C-alpha atoms as a PDB file:
ATOM      1  CA  MET A   1    -180.336 136.601  67.151  1.00  0.00           C
ATOM      2  CA  ASN A   2    -183.809 138.121  66.896  1.00  0.00           C
ATOM      3  CA  ASP A   3    -184.913 136.296  70.044  1.00  0.00           C
ATOM      4  CA  PHE A   4    -181.875 137.636  71.901  1.00  0.00           C
ATOM      5  CA  VAL A   5    -182.690 141.237  71.004  1.00  0.00           C
ATOM      6  CA  ASP A   6    -186.401 140.808  71.702  1.00  0.00           C
ATOM      7  CA  GLU A   7    -185.681 139.536  75.207  1.00  0.00           C
ATOM      8  CA  LEU A   8    -183.318 142.444  75.854  1.00  0.00           C
ATOM      9  CA  LYS A   9    -185.950 144.948  74.770  1.00  0.00           C
ATOM     10  CA  GLN A  10    -188.379 143.384  77.237  1.00  0.00           C
ATOM     11  CA  ASN A  11    -185.777 143.491  80.031  1.00  0.00           C
ATOM     12  CA  ASN A  12    -185.642 139.689  80.126  1.00  0.00           C
ATOM     13  CA  PHE A  13    -181.880 139.583  80.402  1.00  0.00           C
ATOM     14  CA  GLY A  14    -181.684 136.079  81.815  1.00  0.00           C
ATOM     15  CA  LYS A  15    -183.648 134.658  78.906  1.00  0.00           C
ATOM     16  CA  ALA A  16    -181.607 136.708  76.458  1.00  0.00           C
ATOM     17  CA  LEU A  17    -178.402 135.177  77.784  1.00  0.00           C
ATOM     18  CA  ASP A  18    -179.941 131.716  77.690  1.00  0.00           C
ATOM     19  CA  THR A  19    -180.408 132.102  73.939  1.00  0.00           C
ATOM     20  CA  LEU A  20    -176.691 132.833  73.575  1.00  0.00           C
ATOM     21  CA  TYR A  21    -175.631 129.875  75.666  1.00  0.00           C
ATOM     22  CA  GLU A  22    -177.766 127.660  73.473  1.00  0.00           C
ATOM     23  CA  GLN A  23    -175.458 128.587  70.601  1.00  0.00           C
ATOM     24  CA  ASP A  24    -171.935 127.223  70.125  1.00  0.00           C
ATOM     25  CA  THR A  25    -169.794 127.537  73.224  1.00  0.00           C
ATOM     26  CA  GLY A  26    -166.036 127.886  73.422  1.00  0.00           C
ATOM     27  CA  THR A  27    -163.495 126.051  75.534  1.00  0.00           C
ATOM     28  CA  ARG A  28    -164.540 128.004  78.619  1.00  0.00           C
ATOM     29  CA  ASN A  29    -168.202 127.053  78.277  1.00  0.00           C
ATOM     30  CA  THR A  30    -169.242 130.558  77.307  1.00  0.00           C
ATOM     31  CA  PRO A  31    -170.612 131.614  73.920  1.00  0.00           C
ATOM     32  CA  LYS A  32    -167.938 131.764  71.234  1.00  0.00           C
ATOM     33  CA  ALA A  33    -166.603 135.177  70.291  1.00  0.00           C
ATOM     34  CA  SER A  34    -168.329 134.907  66.920  1.00  0.00           C
ATOM     35  CA  VAL A  35    -171.684 134.392  68.662  1.00  0.00           C
ATOM     36  CA  LYS A  36    -171.151 137.404  70.893  1.00  0.00           C
ATOM     37  CA  ARG A  37    -170.129 139.565  67.936  1.00  0.00           C
ATOM     38  CA  LYS A  38    -173.303 138.548  66.110  1.00  0.00           C
ATOM     39  CA  ALA A  39    -175.304 139.433  69.203  1.00  0.00           C
ATOM     40  CA  ILE A  40    -173.740 142.886  69.352  1.00  0.00           C
ATOM     41  CA  LYS A  41    -174.334 143.432  65.656  1.00  0.00           C
ATOM     42  CA  ALA A  42    -177.966 142.376  66.070  1.00  0.00           C
ATOM     43  CA  VAL A  43    -178.482 144.978  68.782  1.00  0.00           C
ATOM     44  CA  PHE A  44    -176.958 147.720  66.642  1.00  0.00           C
ATOM     45  CA  SER A  45    -179.031 146.805  63.579  1.00  0.00           C
ATOM     46  CA  THR A  46    -182.301 146.531  65.501  1.00  0.00           C
ATOM     47  CA  ILE A  47    -182.168 149.202  68.193  1.00  0.00           C
ATOM     48  CA  LYS A  48    -181.498 152.636  66.770  1.00  0.00           C
ATOM     49  CA  GLU A  49    -181.925 154.728  69.911  1.00  0.00           C
ATOM     50  CA  LYS A  50    -178.597 155.027  71.698  1.00  0.00           C
ATOM     51  CA  GLN A  51    -180.375 155.772  74.963  1.00  0.00           C
ATOM     52  CA  GLU A  52    -182.034 152.349  74.796  1.00  0.00           C
ATOM     53  CA  VAL A  53    -178.729 150.695  73.932  1.00  0.00           C
ATOM     54  CA  LEU A  54    -177.164 152.430  76.931  1.00  0.00           C
ATOM     55  CA  HIS A  55    -179.923 151.142  79.205  1.00  0.00           C
ATOM     56  CA  ILE A  56    -179.363 147.592  78.001  1.00  0.00           C
ATOM     57  CA  ALA A  57    -175.583 147.915  78.250  1.00  0.00           C
ATOM     58  CA  LEU A  58    -175.676 149.126  81.841  1.00  0.00           C
ATOM     59  CA  LYS A  59    -178.014 146.288  82.816  1.00  0.00           C
ATOM     60  CA  LEU A  60    -175.756 143.696  81.187  1.00  0.00           C
ATOM     61  CA  ALA A  61    -172.680 145.217  82.817  1.00  0.00           C
ATOM     62  CA  HIS A  62    -174.098 144.460  86.257  1.00  0.00           C
ATOM     63  CA  ILE A  63    -174.959 140.823  85.557  1.00  0.00           C
ATOM     64  CA  ASP A  64    -172.555 138.303  87.039  1.00  0.00           C
ATOM     65  CA  ASP A  65    -171.879 136.606  83.718  1.00  0.00           C
ATOM     66  CA  PRO A  66    -168.792 137.048  81.494  1.00  0.00           C
ATOM     67  CA  ALA A  67    -170.726 137.023  78.210  1.00  0.00           C
ATOM     68  CA  ALA A  68    -173.071 139.718  79.502  1.00  0.00           C
ATOM     69  CA  LYS A  69    -170.150 141.906  80.523  1.00  0.00           C
ATOM     70  CA  GLU A  70    -168.270 141.354  77.263  1.00  0.00           C
ATOM     71  CA  ILE A  71    -171.273 142.361  75.181  1.00  0.00           C
ATOM     72  CA  ALA A  72    -171.898 145.284  77.511  1.00  0.00           C
ATOM     73  CA  ALA A  73    -168.398 146.641  76.893  1.00  0.00           C
ATOM     74  CA  HIS A  74    -169.042 147.179  73.189  1.00  0.00           C
ATOM     75  CA  LEU A  75    -172.597 148.378  73.647  1.00  0.00           C
ATOM     76  CA  LEU A  76    -171.269 150.940  76.108  1.00  0.00           C
ATOM     77  CA  ALA A  77    -168.738 152.072  73.538  1.00  0.00           C
ATOM     78  CA  PHE A  78    -171.526 152.572  71.004  1.00  0.00           C
ATOM     79  CA  ALA A  79    -173.605 154.622  73.454  1.00  0.00           C
ATOM     80  CA  TYR A  80    -170.706 156.594  74.938  1.00  0.00           C
ATOM     81  CA  ALA A  81    -171.888 159.991  73.694  1.00  0.00           C
ATOM     82  CA  GLU A  82    -175.198 159.626  75.527  1.00  0.00           C
ATOM     83  CA  ARG A  83    -173.664 159.608  79.011  1.00  0.00           C
ATOM     84  CA  PRO A  84    -169.857 159.866  78.830  1.00  0.00           C
ATOM     85  CA  GLU A  85    -169.295 159.905  82.580  1.00  0.00           C
ATOM     86  CA  LYS A  86    -171.690 157.027  83.231  1.00  0.00           C
ATOM     87  CA  VAL A  87    -170.146 154.920  80.470  1.00  0.00           C
ATOM     88  CA  SER A  88    -166.605 155.660  81.629  1.00  0.00           C
ATOM     89  CA  GLU A  89    -167.495 154.696  85.191  1.00  0.00           C
ATOM     90  CA  ALA A  90    -169.040 151.397  84.071  1.00  0.00           C
ATOM     91  CA  LEU A  91    -166.089 150.544  81.840  1.00  0.00           C
ATOM     92  CA  ARG A  92    -163.580 151.255  84.603  1.00  0.00           C
ATOM     93  CA  VAL A  93    -165.355 148.730  86.806  1.00  0.00           C
ATOM     94  CA  LEU A  94    -165.409 146.165  83.998  1.00  0.00           C
ATOM     95  CA  ALA A  95    -161.736 146.807  83.224  1.00  0.00           C
ATOM     96  CA  ASN A  96    -160.945 145.505  86.687  1.00  0.00           C
ATOM     97  CA  ASP A  97    -163.107 142.392  86.337  1.00  0.00           C
ATOM     98  CA  GLU A  98    -161.645 139.140  87.674  1.00  0.00           C
ATOM     99  CA  ASN A  99    -162.261 137.448  84.309  1.00  0.00           C
ATOM    100  CA  TRP A 100    -159.404 138.105  81.885  1.00  0.00           C
ATOM    101  CA  GLU A 101    -161.628 137.641  78.836  1.00  0.00           C
ATOM    102  CA  VAL A 102    -163.938 140.374  80.066  1.00  0.00           C
ATOM    103  CA  ARG A 103    -160.914 142.637  80.482  1.00  0.00           C
ATOM    104  CA  GLU A 104    -159.928 141.949  76.859  1.00  0.00           C
ATOM    105  CA  TRP A 105    -163.337 142.960  75.542  1.00  0.00           C
ATOM    106  CA  VAL A 106    -163.318 146.072  77.714  1.00  0.00           C
ATOM    107  CA  ALA A 107    -159.936 147.153  76.361  1.00  0.00           C
ATOM    108  CA  GLY A 108    -161.355 146.779  72.865  1.00  0.00           C
ATOM    109  CA  GLY A 109    -164.400 148.818  73.796  1.00  0.00           C
ATOM    110  CA  CYS A 110    -162.216 151.566  75.228  1.00  0.00           C
ATOM    111  CA  GLY A 111    -160.190 151.546  72.034  1.00  0.00           C
ATOM    112  CA  GLU A 112    -163.379 152.080  70.031  1.00  0.00           C
ATOM    113  CA  ILE A 113    -164.369 155.062  72.133  1.00  0.00           C
ATOM    114  CA  LEU A 114    -160.907 156.580  71.984  1.00  0.00           C
ATOM    115  CA  SER A 115    -160.862 156.171  68.201  1.00  0.00           C
ATOM    116  CA  ASN A 116    -164.216 157.870  67.716  1.00  0.00           C
ATOM    117  CA  ASN A 117    -164.353 160.317  70.612  1.00  0.00           C
ATOM    118  CA  PHE A 118    -160.711 161.159  71.075  1.00  0.00           C
ATOM    119  CA  ASP A 119    -160.965 164.646  72.558  1.00  0.00           C
ATOM    120  CA  THR A 120    -163.478 163.713  75.249  1.00  0.00           C
ATOM    121  CA  PHE A 121    -162.250 160.209  76.138  1.00  0.00           C
ATOM    122  CA  TYR A 122    -158.508 160.844  76.029  1.00  0.00           C
ATOM    123  CA  PRO A 123    -158.451 162.645  79.424  1.00  0.00           C
ATOM    124  CA  GLU A 124    -160.286 159.641  80.897  1.00  0.00           C
ATOM    125  CA  MET A 125    -157.646 157.272  79.557  1.00  0.00           C
ATOM    126  CA  MET A 126    -154.895 159.472  80.949  1.00  0.00           C
ATOM    127  CA  ASP A 127    -156.628 159.298  84.319  1.00  0.00           C
ATOM    128  CA  TRP A 128    -156.720 155.501  84.085  1.00  0.00           C
ATOM    129  CA  THR A 129    -152.932 155.386  83.828  1.00  0.00           C
ATOM    130  CA  ALA A 130    -152.830 156.485  87.473  1.00  0.00           C
ATOM    131  CA  ASP A 131    -155.519 154.092  88.712  1.00  0.00           C
ATOM    132  CA  GLU A 132    -154.599 151.890  91.668  1.00  0.00           C
ATOM    133  CA  SER A 133    -155.584 148.786  89.694  1.00  0.00           C
ATOM    134  CA  ASP A 134    -153.003 147.410  87.281  1.00  0.00           C
ATOM    135  CA  ASN A 135    -155.911 145.934  85.315  1.00  0.00           C
ATOM    136  CA  VAL A 136    -157.270 149.410  84.640  1.00  0.00           C
ATOM    137  CA  ARG A 137    -153.856 150.838  83.805  1.00  0.00           C
ATOM    138  CA  ARG A 138    -153.254 147.976  81.395  1.00  0.00           C
ATOM    139  CA  ALA A 139    -156.602 148.685  79.687  1.00  0.00           C
ATOM    140  CA  ALA A 140    -155.464 152.247  79.006  1.00  0.00           C
ATOM    141  CA  ALA A 141    -152.318 150.959  77.287  1.00  0.00           C
ATOM    142  CA  LEU A 142    -154.304 148.650  75.028  1.00  0.00           C
ATOM    143  CA  ALA A 143    -156.859 151.354  74.267  1.00  0.00           C
ATOM    144  CA  ALA A 144    -154.001 153.531  73.020  1.00  0.00           C
ATOM    145  CA  MET A 145    -152.817 150.720  70.774  1.00  0.00           C
ATOM    146  CA  TYR A 146    -156.292 150.136  69.328  1.00  0.00           C
ATOM    147  CA  ALA A 147    -156.820 153.851  68.724  1.00  0.00           C
ATOM    148  CA  GLY A 148    -153.463 153.910  66.958  1.00  0.00           C
ATOM    149  CA  LYS A 149    -154.917 151.632  64.278  1.00  0.00           C
ATOM    150  CA  THR A 150    -156.706 154.673  62.887  1.00  0.00           C
ATOM    151  CA  ARG A 151    -153.274 156.059  61.964  1.00  0.00           C
ATOM    152  CA  LYS A 152    -154.677 159.545  62.404  1.00  0.00           C
ATOM    153  CA  GLU A 153    -151.726 161.902  62.483  1.00  0.00           C
ATOM    154  CA  GLU A 154    -153.194 164.065  65.226  1.00  0.00           C
ATOM    155  CA  TYR A 155    -153.506 161.052  67.541  1.00  0.00           C
ATOM    156  CA  GLY A 156    -149.843 160.073  67.388  1.00  0.00           C
ATOM    157  CA  GLU A 157    -148.179 162.331  69.940  1.00  0.00           C
ATOM    158  CA  PRO A 158    -151.042 162.206  72.476  1.00  0.00           C
ATOM    159  CA  LEU A 159    -151.072 158.399  72.344  1.00  0.00           C
ATOM    160  CA  LEU A 160    -147.336 158.327  72.959  1.00  0.00           C
ATOM    161  CA  ASN A 161    -147.837 160.707  75.880  1.00  0.00           C
ATOM    162  CA  LEU A 162    -150.404 158.253  77.246  1.00  0.00           C
ATOM    163  CA  VAL A 163    -148.217 155.153  77.106  1.00  0.00           C
ATOM    164  CA  GLU A 164    -145.290 157.201  78.395  1.00  0.00           C
ATOM    165  CA  GLN A 165    -147.144 157.494  81.710  1.00  0.00           C
ATOM    166  CA  LEU A 166    -146.905 153.724  82.062  1.00  0.00           C
ATOM    167  CA  LEU A 167    -143.262 153.171  81.127  1.00  0.00           C
ATOM    168  CA  THR A 168    -142.124 153.141  84.750  1.00  0.00           C
ATOM    169  CA  ASP A 169    -145.040 151.009  85.949  1.00  0.00           C
ATOM    170  CA  SER A 170    -143.684 148.045  87.898  1.00  0.00           C
ATOM    171  CA  ALA A 171    -146.794 145.847  87.631  1.00  0.00           C
ATOM    172  CA  SER A 172    -146.029 142.755  85.575  1.00  0.00           C
ATOM    173  CA  TYR A 173    -149.485 142.786  83.972  1.00  0.00           C
ATOM    174  CA  VAL A 174    -148.913 146.303  82.657  1.00  0.00           C
ATOM    175  CA  LYS A 175    -145.339 145.612  81.520  1.00  0.00           C
ATOM    176  CA  LYS A 176    -146.360 142.411  79.751  1.00  0.00           C
ATOM    177  CA  ASN A 177    -148.721 144.410  77.545  1.00  0.00           C
ATOM    178  CA  LEU A 178    -146.836 147.685  77.137  1.00  0.00           C
ATOM    179  CA  GLY A 179    -143.375 147.623  75.568  1.00  0.00           C
ATOM    180  CA  GLN A 180    -143.662 144.501  73.488  1.00  0.00           C
ATOM    181  CA  PHE A 181    -147.358 144.666  72.635  1.00  0.00           C
ATOM    182  CA  ALA A 182    -148.930 148.142  72.820  1.00  0.00           C
ATOM    183  CA  ILE A 183    -145.793 149.955  71.629  1.00  0.00           C
ATOM    184  CA  GLY A 184    -143.630 147.433  69.779  1.00  0.00           C
ATOM    185  CA  ASP A 185    -146.372 145.568  67.961  1.00  0.00           C
ATOM    186  CA  GLY A 186    -148.807 148.481  67.869  1.00  0.00           C
ATOM    187  CA  LEU A 187    -147.860 152.130  67.952  1.00  0.00           C
ATOM    188  CA  LEU A 188    -144.499 151.494  66.292  1.00  0.00           C
ATOM    189  CA  ARG A 189    -146.393 149.981  63.375  1.00  0.00           C
ATOM    190  CA  TYR A 190    -148.819 152.893  63.114  1.00  0.00           C
ATOM    191  CA  TYR A 191    -146.494 155.811  63.928  1.00  0.00           C
ATOM    192  CA  PRO A 192    -142.946 154.574  63.256  1.00  0.00           C
ATOM    193  CA  ASP A 193    -141.270 157.958  62.919  1.00  0.00           C
ATOM    194  CA  LYS A 194    -142.911 159.357  66.026  1.00  0.00           C
ATOM    195  CA  VAL A 195    -142.065 156.308  68.147  1.00  0.00           C
ATOM    196  CA  ILE A 196    -138.428 156.187  67.003  1.00  0.00           C
ATOM    197  CA  ALA A 197    -138.084 159.892  67.794  1.00  0.00           C
ATOM    198  CA  ARG A 198    -139.622 159.346  71.222  1.00  0.00           C
ATOM    199  CA  LEU A 199    -137.125 156.583  72.012  1.00  0.00           C
ATOM    200  CA  ASP A 200    -134.391 159.201  72.191  1.00  0.00           C
ATOM    201  CA  LYS A 201    -136.301 160.759  75.076  1.00  0.00           C
ATOM    202  CA  TRP A 202    -137.255 157.516  76.751  1.00  0.00           C
ATOM    203  CA  ILE A 203    -133.717 156.147  76.830  1.00  0.00           C
ATOM    204  CA  GLU A 204    -132.829 159.024  79.142  1.00  0.00           C
ATOM    205  CA  LEU A 205    -135.098 157.527  81.795  1.00  0.00           C
ATOM    206  CA  GLU A 206    -133.031 155.722  84.407  1.00  0.00           C
ATOM    207  CA  ASP A 207    -135.955 153.685  85.698  1.00  0.00           C
ATOM    208  CA  GLU A 208    -135.339 149.981  85.128  1.00  0.00           C
ATOM    209  CA  ASN A 209    -138.977 149.267  84.255  1.00  0.00           C
ATOM    210  CA  ALA A 210    -138.852 151.912  81.530  1.00  0.00           C
ATOM    211  CA  ARG A 211    -135.675 150.402  80.124  1.00  0.00           C
ATOM    212  CA  TRP A 212    -137.152 146.913  80.349  1.00  0.00           C
ATOM    213  CA  ASN A 213    -140.022 148.129  78.178  1.00  0.00           C
ATOM    214  CA  LEU A 214    -137.618 149.710  75.686  1.00  0.00           C
ATOM    215  CA  ALA A 215    -135.742 146.439  75.346  1.00  0.00           C
ATOM    216  CA  LYS A 216    -138.962 144.545  74.697  1.00  0.00           C
ATOM    217  CA  ILE A 217    -140.008 146.890  71.891  1.00  0.00           C
ATOM    218  CA  PHE A 218    -137.307 145.416  69.655  1.00  0.00           C
ATOM    219  CA  SER A 219    -138.322 141.824  70.382  1.00  0.00           C
ATOM    220  CA  THR A 220    -141.341 142.120  68.073  1.00  0.00           C
ATOM    221  CA  ALA A 221    -141.334 141.575  64.318  1.00  0.00           C
ATOM    222  CA  GLU A 222    -142.144 145.250  63.877  1.00  0.00           C
ATOM    223  CA  GLY A 223    -139.462 146.310  66.329  1.00  0.00           C
ATOM    224  CA  MET A 224    -136.801 144.288  64.513  1.00  0.00           C
ATOM    225  CA  LYS A 225    -137.423 146.383  61.409  1.00  0.00           C
ATOM    226  CA  HIS A 226    -136.031 149.376  63.287  1.00  0.00           C
ATOM    227  CA  VAL A 227    -132.987 147.823  64.955  1.00  0.00           C
ATOM    228  CA  ARG A 228    -130.496 149.508  62.628  1.00  0.00           C
ATOM    229  CA  GLU A 229    -131.780 153.020  63.220  1.00  0.00           C
ATOM    230  CA  SER A 230    -132.044 152.303  66.949  1.00  0.00           C
ATOM    231  CA  ARG A 231    -128.525 150.900  67.308  1.00  0.00           C
ATOM    232  CA  LEU A 232    -127.459 153.567  69.823  1.00  0.00           C
ATOM    233  CA  ILE A 233    -130.538 152.855  71.951  1.00  0.00           C
ATOM    234  CA  ILE A 234    -129.701 149.152  72.050  1.00  0.00           C
ATOM    235  CA  HIS A 235    -126.057 149.805  72.921  1.00  0.00           C
ATOM    236  CA  GLU A 236    -127.165 152.027  75.780  1.00  0.00           C
ATOM    237  CA  LEU A 237    -129.414 149.271  77.088  1.00  0.00           C
ATOM    238  CA  LEU A 238    -126.508 146.825  76.885  1.00  0.00           C
ATOM    239  CA  ARG A 239    -124.458 149.102  79.147  1.00  0.00           C
ATOM    240  CA  ASP A 240    -127.123 148.845  81.856  1.00  0.00           C
ATOM    241  CA  ASP A 241    -125.929 146.260  84.408  1.00  0.00           C
ATOM    242  CA  ARG A 242    -129.215 145.908  86.270  1.00  0.00           C
ATOM    243  CA  TYR A 243    -130.529 142.368  86.138  1.00  0.00           C
ATOM    244  CA  LYS A 244    -134.005 143.122  84.746  1.00  0.00           C
ATOM    245  CA  VAL A 245    -132.687 145.321  81.979  1.00  0.00           C
ATOM    246  CA  LYS A 246    -129.802 143.033  81.111  1.00  0.00           C
ATOM    247  CA  ARG A 247    -132.040 139.983  80.940  1.00  0.00           C
ATOM    248  CA  ALA A 248    -134.626 141.815  78.808  1.00  0.00           C
ATOM    249  CA  ILE A 249    -132.178 143.132  76.222  1.00  0.00           C
ATOM    250  CA  GLN A 250    -130.348 139.819  75.963  1.00  0.00           C
ATOM    251  CA  SER A 251    -133.632 137.991  75.496  1.00  0.00           C
ATOM    252  CA  THR A 252    -134.469 140.435  72.725  1.00  0.00           C
ATOM    253  CA  LEU A 253    -131.085 139.955  71.059  1.00  0.00           C
ATOM    254  CA  ASN A 254    -131.540 136.203  71.136  1.00  0.00           C
ATOM    255  CA  LYS A 255    -134.804 136.618  69.251  1.00  0.00           C
ATOM    256  CA  ILE A 256    -133.142 138.924  66.743  1.00  0.00           C
ATOM    257  CA  LYS A 257    -130.358 136.373  66.288  1.00  0.00           C
ATOM    258  CA  LYS A 258    -132.878 133.702  65.315  1.00  0.00           C
ATOM    259  CA  LYS A 259    -134.717 135.930  62.851  1.00  0.00           C
ATOM    260  CA  HIS A 260    -131.990 138.235  61.544  1.00  0.00           C
ATOM    261  CA  PRO A 261    -128.535 136.966  62.594  1.00  0.00           C
ATOM    262  CA  GLU A 262    -126.856 139.338  60.156  1.00  0.00           C
ATOM    263  CA  LEU A 263    -127.989 142.304  62.238  1.00  0.00           C
ATOM    264  CA  LEU A 264    -125.977 141.278  65.291  1.00  0.00           C
ATOM    265  CA  GLU A 265    -122.736 141.170  63.353  1.00  0.00           C
ATOM    266  CA  GLU A 266    -123.534 144.357  61.457  1.00  0.00           C
ATOM    267  CA  LEU A 267    -124.249 146.254  64.663  1.00  0.00           C
ATOM    268  CA  ASP A 268    -121.368 144.692  66.600  1.00  0.00           C
ATOM    269  CA  LEU A 269    -123.780 142.702  68.737  1.00  0.00           C
ATOM    270  CA  GLU A 270    -122.938 139.179  67.630  1.00  0.00           C
ATOM    271  CA  ASN A 271    -121.969 137.986  71.121  1.00  0.00           C
ATOM    272  CA  ALA A 272    -124.258 140.211  73.143  1.00  0.00           C
ATOM    273  CA  GLY A 273    -127.100 137.714  73.432  1.00  0.00           C
ATOM    274  CA  ASN A 274    -124.977 134.864  74.747  1.00  0.00           C
END
């Protein structure tokens, strides 16, 4: 990766990318994730000045190439403290990229920043939850999940406040990644007591998208661990006759039945998923 870094330092970005594409490529004819991670690591180990890393990151972010943008996302995260507003602006654009793989790398980059610069980047993530793009809103949800991996106690409630802004979001792309993934498979794992306590508040929301998300929380392996203590929440969801909610909770119960059939009988839910 020395050639890659040398070309970047000389502003030969096209040649730098050529060196990556000469490495192993994945199924989408772009450098494998392992190659891109090595490239990022090479930059960090060679270039010590964050201002120079920021310059390179911003240049890569504007190249019409997915690998360039993916690498840029994590370089931007590293250089965030140099120009917070500039980095945030660049990441918001990348979060709305047409390439889904780029969006994944950007969400990871945002999670890194939120983990390491919580006080300054958290307001930015809250702002993203109101963005007109569902891609950007979805990135905020995933950033919260990644930051939750730190398990820092002081992050718990603010992260729940962040995802709470998205509970009523009707965009399928946001919903697909919120209840089941960001909360059920993420924040519930890192802050179980806080999430379970928050469910008592969230179940009071009448919005069907919010209740859809609540139902999906329990469809995950982590969520199933908390079915007993959330029995009243599940029963309340079962009383909701709206199609989206009913379908979501019954789908969840069917999954529980396959994994833990004893729970349905114990909680008087044995026929609820049929």
